């Protein structure tokens, strides 16, 4: 073999090796970032992420978050949130309520046995309560208790709309059947007045319902579910009851989550989730379900910016348009007006009444 041929063979081998190395690099760059990668990165200082516009950056101040949102340990994706909260009782502000006169005290066992099979009237929740003989408090019927008074109610409005004539009639029929079973006499309010009240409440609710959402999109490499969970857990998120959902718990037990972080549930349930590629996450806030005192929108901005910086992402709206600082400031100002209107109506955000009405 001549020197020329030998040189060409060596050159060809080097070119082939370079092509193979480049393809391997491209494959690695396009693969989703995993939790294992994060553990390696934690040992080294993270390189700063270049911002697209320094004026539009929202600096996270995670030290100002409530202590309850900072986890002591990172949860697994299969972990469950705290036990379901107790259902709030009937309230004249948002319910039609009919007193049920009793000739004598009745046992909780008898009340439970006579309750209708379903707790719905059309699209509205239906409930029966008893006045506890000992405490005098209204409560859901319990076995072993005795009640000196009962009442049955149906919700005036929810996100399905206002209580209508047909639903009111169904409520009357269901309540009368229950009353007959326990020997009680119901006293129903006027249907026209209650349906009118339902429409007015529904009109208010429709004009003051707010659900906010940010989308976090990957700039370059995609993320694995484990990689997302690892970063979210550092900000206080825990796994929700559904695959692909994490929540930021409130500062008090039984309170609705402050924020939720969601991604493709099929990616979370994949045989090997670490090989699933996520290119966007949805961060959402149910404004009417979270107390104003939690400063939920402030926390939402901080969390979004922290995740974007840590995972090399960009914060956008549903249409993919980046959200500037000015836009977020305007949203925050609008929310303050919304909170004031809810407070004035005795339907403060995060209250039991507001959470029932806006559901």
Protein backbone atom coordinates (compact mmCIF):
# COMPACT_ATOMS: atom_id res chain seq x y z
CA UNK A 1 0.00 0.00 0.00
CA UNK A 2 1.43 3.36 -0.98
CA UNK A 3 1.87 6.24 1.44
CA UNK A 4 -0.96 8.08 -0.29
CA UNK A 5 -3.38 5.21 0.16
CA UNK A 6 -2.35 4.77 3.79
CA UNK A 7 -2.88 8.46 4.45
CA UNK A 8 -6.31 8.43 2.84
CA UNK A 9 -7.31 5.38 4.89
CA UNK A 10 -6.26 7.06 8.14
CA UNK A 11 -8.08 10.26 7.16
CA UNK A 12 -11.23 8.30 6.32
CA UNK A 13 -11.08 6.56 9.71
CA UNK A 14 -10.77 9.89 11.53
CA UNK A 15 -13.73 11.35 9.62
CA UNK A 16 -15.85 8.29 10.43
CA UNK A 17 -14.93 8.53 14.11
CA UNK A 18 -15.83 12.22 14.12
CA UNK A 19 -19.24 11.50 12.54
CA UNK A 20 -19.98 8.78 15.10
CA UNK A 21 -18.96 11.08 17.97
CA UNK A 22 -21.11 13.92 16.62
CA UNK A 23 -24.17 11.67 16.26
CA UNK A 24 -23.70 10.43 19.81
CA UNK A 25 -23.49 14.02 21.05
CA UNK A 26 -26.66 15.02 19.17
CA UNK A 27 -28.50 11.98 20.56
CA UNK A 28 -27.46 12.85 24.11
CA UNK A 29 -28.48 16.49 23.69
CA UNK A 30 -31.95 15.53 22.42
CA UNK A 31 -32.60 12.97 25.17
CA UNK A 32 -34.74 14.12 28.13
CA UNK A 33 -32.85 15.36 31.16
CA UNK A 34 -33.26 12.87 34.01
CA UNK A 35 -33.14 12.94 37.77
CA UNK A 36 -29.80 11.09 37.67
CA UNK A 37 -28.33 13.95 35.65
CA UNK A 38 -29.57 16.37 38.27
CA UNK A 39 -27.74 14.47 41.00
CA UNK A 40 -24.48 14.82 39.06
CA UNK A 41 -25.10 18.51 38.40
CA UNK A 42 -25.74 19.15 42.09
CA UNK A 43 -22.09 18.42 42.82
CA UNK A 44 -21.00 21.29 40.54
CA UNK A 45 -22.05 24.95 40.41
CA UNK A 46 -24.77 25.48 37.83
CA UNK A 47 -23.92 27.71 34.91
CA UNK A 48 -26.10 30.83 34.75
CA UNK A 49 -29.00 30.71 32.29
CA UNK A 50 -29.02 33.53 29.79
CA UNK A 51 -32.20 35.63 29.99
CA UNK A 52 -33.92 36.73 26.80
CA UNK A 53 -34.67 40.14 28.27
CA UNK A 54 -33.22 41.33 31.56
CA UNK A 55 -36.08 43.81 32.06
CA UNK A 56 -38.66 41.02 31.86
CA UNK A 57 -37.09 38.76 34.45
CA UNK A 58 -38.97 38.09 37.67
CA UNK A 59 -36.49 37.34 40.39
CA UNK A 60 -37.60 34.47 42.64
CA UNK A 61 -37.55 35.21 46.35
CA UNK A 62 -38.05 31.69 47.62
CA UNK A 63 -37.00 32.65 51.11
CA UNK A 64 -40.28 34.55 51.46
CA UNK A 65 -42.42 31.46 50.87
CA UNK A 66 -44.34 30.07 53.87
CA UNK A 67 -42.34 27.50 55.79
CA UNK A 68 -45.07 24.92 55.19
CA UNK A 69 -44.22 24.87 51.49
CA UNK A 70 -40.62 23.75 52.03
CA UNK A 71 -40.38 19.94 52.14
CA UNK A 72 -38.15 18.02 54.52
CA UNK A 73 -37.77 15.21 52.00
CA UNK A 74 -38.45 14.75 48.32
CA UNK A 75 -41.64 12.73 47.69
CA UNK A 76 -42.02 10.03 45.08
CA UNK A 77 -44.34 10.47 42.11
CA UNK A 78 -46.74 7.94 43.61
CA UNK A 79 -47.11 9.75 46.93
CA UNK A 80 -50.53 11.01 47.92
CA UNK A 81 -51.48 14.37 49.33
CA UNK A 82 -53.13 14.78 52.73
CA UNK A 83 -56.50 13.18 53.52
CA UNK A 84 -59.59 14.69 51.87
CA UNK A 85 -61.01 17.68 53.68
CA UNK A 86 -64.32 17.61 55.48
CA UNK A 87 -67.24 18.82 53.36
CA UNK A 88 -68.51 22.24 54.54
CA UNK A 89 -72.08 22.43 55.80
CA UNK A 90 -75.14 24.10 54.32
CA UNK A 91 -75.07 27.90 54.18
CA UNK A 92 -78.01 30.20 53.45
CA UNK A 93 -75.66 32.36 51.37
CA UNK A 94 -75.34 29.74 48.63
CA UNK A 95 -77.97 27.08 49.44
CA UNK A 96 -81.73 26.66 49.35
CA UNK A 97 -82.56 25.31 52.82
CA UNK A 98 -85.80 23.69 53.94
CA UNK A 99 -86.30 23.04 57.70
CA UNK A 100 -87.77 19.62 58.54
CA UNK A 101 -90.00 19.74 61.64
CA UNK A 102 -89.81 16.61 63.83
CA UNK A 103 -92.40 15.41 66.32
CA UNK A 104 -89.63 13.83 68.41
CA UNK A 105 -85.89 13.34 68.33
CA UNK A 106 -84.65 10.94 65.68
CA UNK A 107 -81.58 8.71 65.67
CA UNK A 108 -78.71 9.20 63.27
CA UNK A 109 -79.12 5.57 62.19
CA UNK A 110 -82.71 6.24 61.10
CA UNK A 111 -81.67 9.37 59.22
CA UNK A 112 -78.87 7.54 57.41
CA UNK A 113 -81.20 4.71 56.43
CA UNK A 114 -83.71 7.17 54.93
CA UNK A 115 -81.24 9.28 52.94
CA UNK A 116 -81.70 9.22 49.16
CA UNK A 117 -79.33 7.09 47.12
CA UNK A 118 -77.75 10.08 45.37
CA UNK A 119 -76.55 13.38 46.83
CA UNK A 120 -77.20 15.36 43.65
CA UNK A 121 -80.16 17.29 42.30
CA UNK A 122 -79.46 17.71 38.61
CA UNK A 123 -75.96 19.21 38.58
CA UNK A 124 -76.17 20.60 42.12
CA UNK A 125 -75.08 19.05 45.44
CA UNK A 126 -77.90 17.99 47.79
CA UNK A 127 -77.38 17.52 51.53
CA UNK A 128 -79.23 16.73 54.75
CA UNK A 129 -78.02 17.97 58.13
CA UNK A 130 -79.06 17.30 61.70
CA UNK A 131 -78.79 19.48 64.78
CA UNK A 132 -76.73 17.54 67.29
CA UNK A 133 -78.65 16.94 70.54
CA UNK A 134 -75.54 17.54 72.66
CA UNK A 135 -73.67 20.36 70.94
CA UNK A 136 -76.49 22.07 69.07
CA UNK A 137 -74.28 22.20 65.96
CA UNK A 138 -75.49 21.30 62.48
CA UNK A 139 -73.66 18.31 61.03
CA UNK A 140 -73.91 15.54 58.47
CA UNK A 141 -75.92 12.67 60.04
CA UNK A 142 -73.84 10.17 62.01
CA UNK A 143 -74.69 6.77 63.43
CA UNK A 144 -75.11 6.72 67.19
CA UNK A 145 -76.19 10.37 67.40
CA UNK A 146 -79.61 11.83 68.09
CA UNK A 147 -81.08 14.88 66.35
CA UNK A 148 -83.78 17.27 67.45
CA UNK A 149 -83.99 19.11 64.12
CA UNK A 150 -83.15 18.40 60.49
CA UNK A 151 -82.76 20.46 57.34
CA UNK A 152 -82.30 19.63 53.67
CA UNK A 153 -80.58 21.88 51.16
CA UNK A 154 -79.48 22.18 47.55
CA UNK A 155 -76.81 24.50 46.19
CA UNK A 156 -78.05 27.57 44.33
CA UNK A 157 -75.28 27.67 41.74
CA UNK A 158 -71.94 26.22 40.71
CA UNK A 159 -69.82 26.13 37.57
CA UNK A 160 -72.59 24.16 35.86
CA UNK A 161 -74.91 27.16 36.16
CA UNK A 162 -77.82 28.33 38.30
CA UNK A 163 -80.46 26.15 39.95
CA UNK A 164 -83.44 26.03 37.54
CA UNK A 165 -87.14 25.23 37.92
CA UNK A 166 -86.70 21.56 37.06
CA UNK A 167 -83.88 21.11 39.57
CA UNK A 168 -85.86 22.92 42.28
CA UNK A 169 -88.82 20.59 41.66
CA UNK A 170 -86.52 17.57 41.87
CA UNK A 171 -85.17 18.94 45.16
CA UNK A 172 -88.70 19.22 46.54
CA UNK A 173 -89.57 15.64 45.50
CA UNK A 174 -86.36 14.21 46.96
CA UNK A 175 -86.72 16.13 50.22
CA UNK A 176 -90.40 15.20 50.62
CA UNK A 177 -89.63 11.51 50.13
CA UNK A 178 -86.92 11.69 52.81
CA UNK A 179 -89.21 13.62 55.17
CA UNK A 180 -91.98 11.03 54.74
CA UNK A 181 -89.56 8.23 55.60
CA UNK A 182 -88.64 9.76 58.97
CA UNK A 183 -91.98 11.38 59.81
CA UNK A 184 -90.93 15.00 59.31
CA UNK A 185 -92.74 18.00 57.82
CA UNK A 186 -90.68 20.11 55.39
CA UNK A 187 -91.15 23.86 55.00
CA UNK A 188 -90.04 24.78 51.47
CA UNK A 189 -89.17 28.36 50.47
CA UNK A 190 -90.85 30.00 47.47
CA UNK A 191 -89.52 28.51 44.23
CA UNK A 192 -89.64 31.74 42.21
CA UNK A 193 -87.67 33.66 44.82
CA UNK A 194 -85.03 30.94 45.16
CA UNK A 195 -84.56 30.44 41.41
CA UNK A 196 -84.20 34.21 41.03
CA UNK A 197 -81.63 34.24 43.82
CA UNK A 198 -79.79 31.40 42.07
CA UNK A 199 -79.59 33.34 38.81
CA UNK A 200 -78.28 36.44 40.53
CA UNK A 201 -75.62 34.43 42.40
CA UNK A 202 -74.63 32.65 39.20
CA UNK A 203 -74.23 35.99 37.40
CA UNK A 204 -71.91 37.20 40.15
CA UNK A 205 -69.93 33.96 40.10
CA UNK A 206 -69.56 34.03 36.32
CA UNK A 207 -68.06 37.51 36.48
CA UNK A 208 -65.66 36.71 39.32
CA UNK A 209 -64.37 33.23 38.54
CA UNK A 210 -60.65 33.13 37.82
CA UNK A 211 -58.31 30.29 36.91
CA UNK A 212 -54.79 31.32 35.96
CA UNK A 213 -52.27 29.25 34.06
CA UNK A 214 -48.64 29.59 32.98
CA UNK A 215 -46.91 27.25 30.56
CA UNK A 216 -43.26 26.41 31.11
CA UNK A 217 -41.56 25.34 27.87
CA UNK A 218 -38.14 23.74 27.45
CA UNK A 219 -35.66 25.91 25.54
CA UNK A 220 -33.44 23.04 24.39
CA UNK A 221 -33.27 19.57 26.00
CA UNK A 222 -36.58 17.99 27.09
CA UNK A 223 -37.21 16.91 30.69
CA UNK A 224 -38.08 13.53 32.19
CA UNK A 225 -40.90 13.27 34.80
CA UNK A 226 -38.32 12.48 37.48
CA UNK A 227 -36.27 15.54 36.57
CA UNK A 228 -39.36 17.74 36.85
CA UNK A 229 -40.41 16.17 40.17
CA UNK A 230 -36.93 16.67 41.61
CA UNK A 231 -36.91 20.40 40.83
CA UNK A 232 -40.54 20.91 41.90
CA UNK A 233 -39.99 19.12 45.21
CA UNK A 234 -37.24 21.59 46.09
CA UNK A 235 -39.87 24.33 45.86
CA UNK A 236 -42.33 22.52 48.14
CA UNK A 237 -44.43 20.53 45.66
CA UNK A 238 -45.65 17.04 46.51
CA UNK A 239 -47.17 14.39 44.27
CA UNK A 240 -50.91 14.72 43.67
CA UNK A 241 -53.52 11.98 43.54
CA UNK A 242 -53.38 11.79 39.73
CA UNK A 243 -50.39 10.77 37.57
CA UNK A 244 -48.56 13.74 36.12
CA UNK A 245 -49.78 16.19 38.76
CA UNK A 246 -47.95 17.81 41.67
CA UNK A 247 -49.38 20.33 44.13
CA UNK A 248 -48.04 23.02 46.44
CA UNK A 249 -49.88 22.47 49.76
CA UNK A 250 -51.43 25.32 51.71
CA UNK A 251 -50.07 26.44 55.05
CA UNK A 252 -53.02 24.94 56.97
CA UNK A 253 -54.34 21.38 57.09
CA UNK A 254 -57.41 20.77 54.92
CA UNK A 255 -56.75 23.83 52.77
CA UNK A 256 -56.92 23.55 49.00
CA UNK A 257 -53.52 23.37 47.24
CA UNK A 258 -52.04 26.76 46.43
CA UNK A 259 -50.73 25.72 43.01
CA UNK A 260 -50.74 22.68 40.78
CA UNK A 261 -48.06 21.58 38.32
CA UNK A 262 -49.20 19.21 35.58
CA UNK A 263 -47.61 17.35 32.69
CA UNK A 264 -48.50 14.48 30.34
CA UNK A 265 -49.94 11.70 32.57
CA UNK A 266 -48.94 9.03 30.04
CA UNK A 267 -45.31 10.07 30.49
CA UNK A 268 -45.63 9.59 34.25
CA UNK A 269 -47.18 6.13 33.78
CA UNK A 270 -44.70 4.93 31.14
CA UNK A 271 -42.79 1.67 31.74
CA UNK A 272 -39.60 3.74 31.98
CA UNK A 273 -40.64 7.30 32.88
CA UNK A 274 -37.03 8.48 32.74
CA UNK A 275 -37.08 7.94 28.97
CA UNK A 276 -40.26 10.00 28.53
CA UNK A 277 -39.62 13.43 27.04
CA UNK A 278 -41.55 16.43 28.37
CA UNK A 279 -41.26 19.74 26.59
CA UNK A 280 -43.84 21.72 28.55
CA UNK A 281 -45.47 21.94 32.00
CA UNK A 282 -48.68 23.66 33.10
CA UNK A 283 -48.59 25.69 36.32
CA UNK A 284 -52.08 26.70 37.46
CA UNK A 285 -53.87 28.58 40.22
CA UNK A 286 -57.54 28.29 41.21
CA UNK A 287 -57.81 31.88 42.45
CA UNK A 288 -61.15 31.50 44.23
CA UNK A 289 -60.00 28.38 46.10
CA UNK A 290 -56.89 29.83 47.77
CA UNK A 291 -56.95 32.39 50.61
CA UNK A 292 -55.64 35.83 49.76
CA UNK A 293 -53.32 35.63 52.77
CA UNK A 294 -51.28 32.93 51.00
CA UNK A 295 -50.26 35.44 48.29
CA UNK A 296 -50.82 32.71 45.71
CA UNK A 297 -50.05 34.80 42.63
CA UNK A 298 -46.78 36.02 44.14
CA UNK A 299 -45.85 32.41 44.81
CA UNK A 300 -46.92 31.43 41.30
CA UNK A 301 -44.55 33.98 39.76
CA UNK A 302 -41.68 32.94 42.01
CA UNK A 303 -42.17 29.24 41.32
CA UNK A 304 -42.44 29.76 37.57
CA UNK A 305 -39.25 31.81 37.43
CA UNK A 306 -37.35 29.41 39.68
CA UNK A 307 -38.31 26.40 37.55
CA UNK A 308 -37.54 28.25 34.33
CA UNK A 309 -34.05 29.17 35.52
CA UNK A 310 -33.26 25.77 37.04
CA UNK A 311 -34.50 23.70 34.08
CA UNK A 312 -33.61 26.08 31.23
CA UNK A 313 -37.19 26.91 30.31
CA UNK A 314 -39.26 29.92 29.30
CA UNK A 315 -42.58 31.10 30.82
CA UNK A 316 -45.38 31.64 28.28
CA UNK A 317 -49.14 31.86 28.03
CA UNK A 318 -51.26 29.12 26.43
CA UNK A 319 -50.55 30.53 22.97
CA UNK A 320 -46.79 30.30 23.49
CA UNK A 321 -46.21 34.02 23.95
CA UNK A 322 -43.59 34.90 26.61
CA UNK A 323 -45.06 36.65 29.65
CA UNK A 324 -43.33 39.90 30.54
CA UNK A 325 -43.01 41.45 33.96
CA UNK A 326 -45.47 44.23 33.02
CA UNK A 327 -48.12 41.70 31.98
CA UNK A 328 -47.75 39.81 35.24
CA UNK A 329 -47.91 43.05 37.26
CA UNK A 330 -51.22 43.89 35.56
CA UNK A 331 -52.61 40.43 36.32
CA UNK A 332 -51.65 40.90 39.97
CA UNK A 333 -53.45 44.26 40.12
CA UNK A 334 -56.60 42.77 38.56
CA UNK A 335 -56.55 39.98 41.13
CA UNK A 336 -56.54 42.47 43.99
CA UNK A 337 -59.77 43.97 42.62
CA UNK A 338 -61.24 40.48 42.33
CA UNK A 339 -60.34 39.67 45.94
CA UNK A 340 -62.03 42.90 47.09
CA UNK A 341 -65.24 42.02 45.25
CA UNK A 342 -65.31 38.49 46.72
CA UNK A 343 -64.71 39.84 50.23
CA UNK A 344 -67.54 42.35 49.85
CA UNK A 345 -69.92 39.49 48.93
CA UNK A 346 -68.80 37.34 51.93
CA UNK A 347 -67.35 34.86 49.44
CA UNK A 348 -63.69 35.44 50.20
CA UNK A 349 -61.24 33.40 48.16
CA UNK A 350 -60.43 30.13 49.93
CA UNK A 351 -63.59 30.17 52.07
CA UNK A 352 -65.78 27.08 52.19
CA UNK A 353 -68.58 28.97 50.44
CA UNK A 354 -66.33 30.18 47.60
CA UNK A 355 -64.84 26.75 47.02
CA UNK A 356 -68.31 25.22 46.77
CA UNK A 357 -69.67 27.95 44.52
CA UNK A 358 -66.67 27.88 42.15
CA UNK A 359 -66.63 24.11 41.61
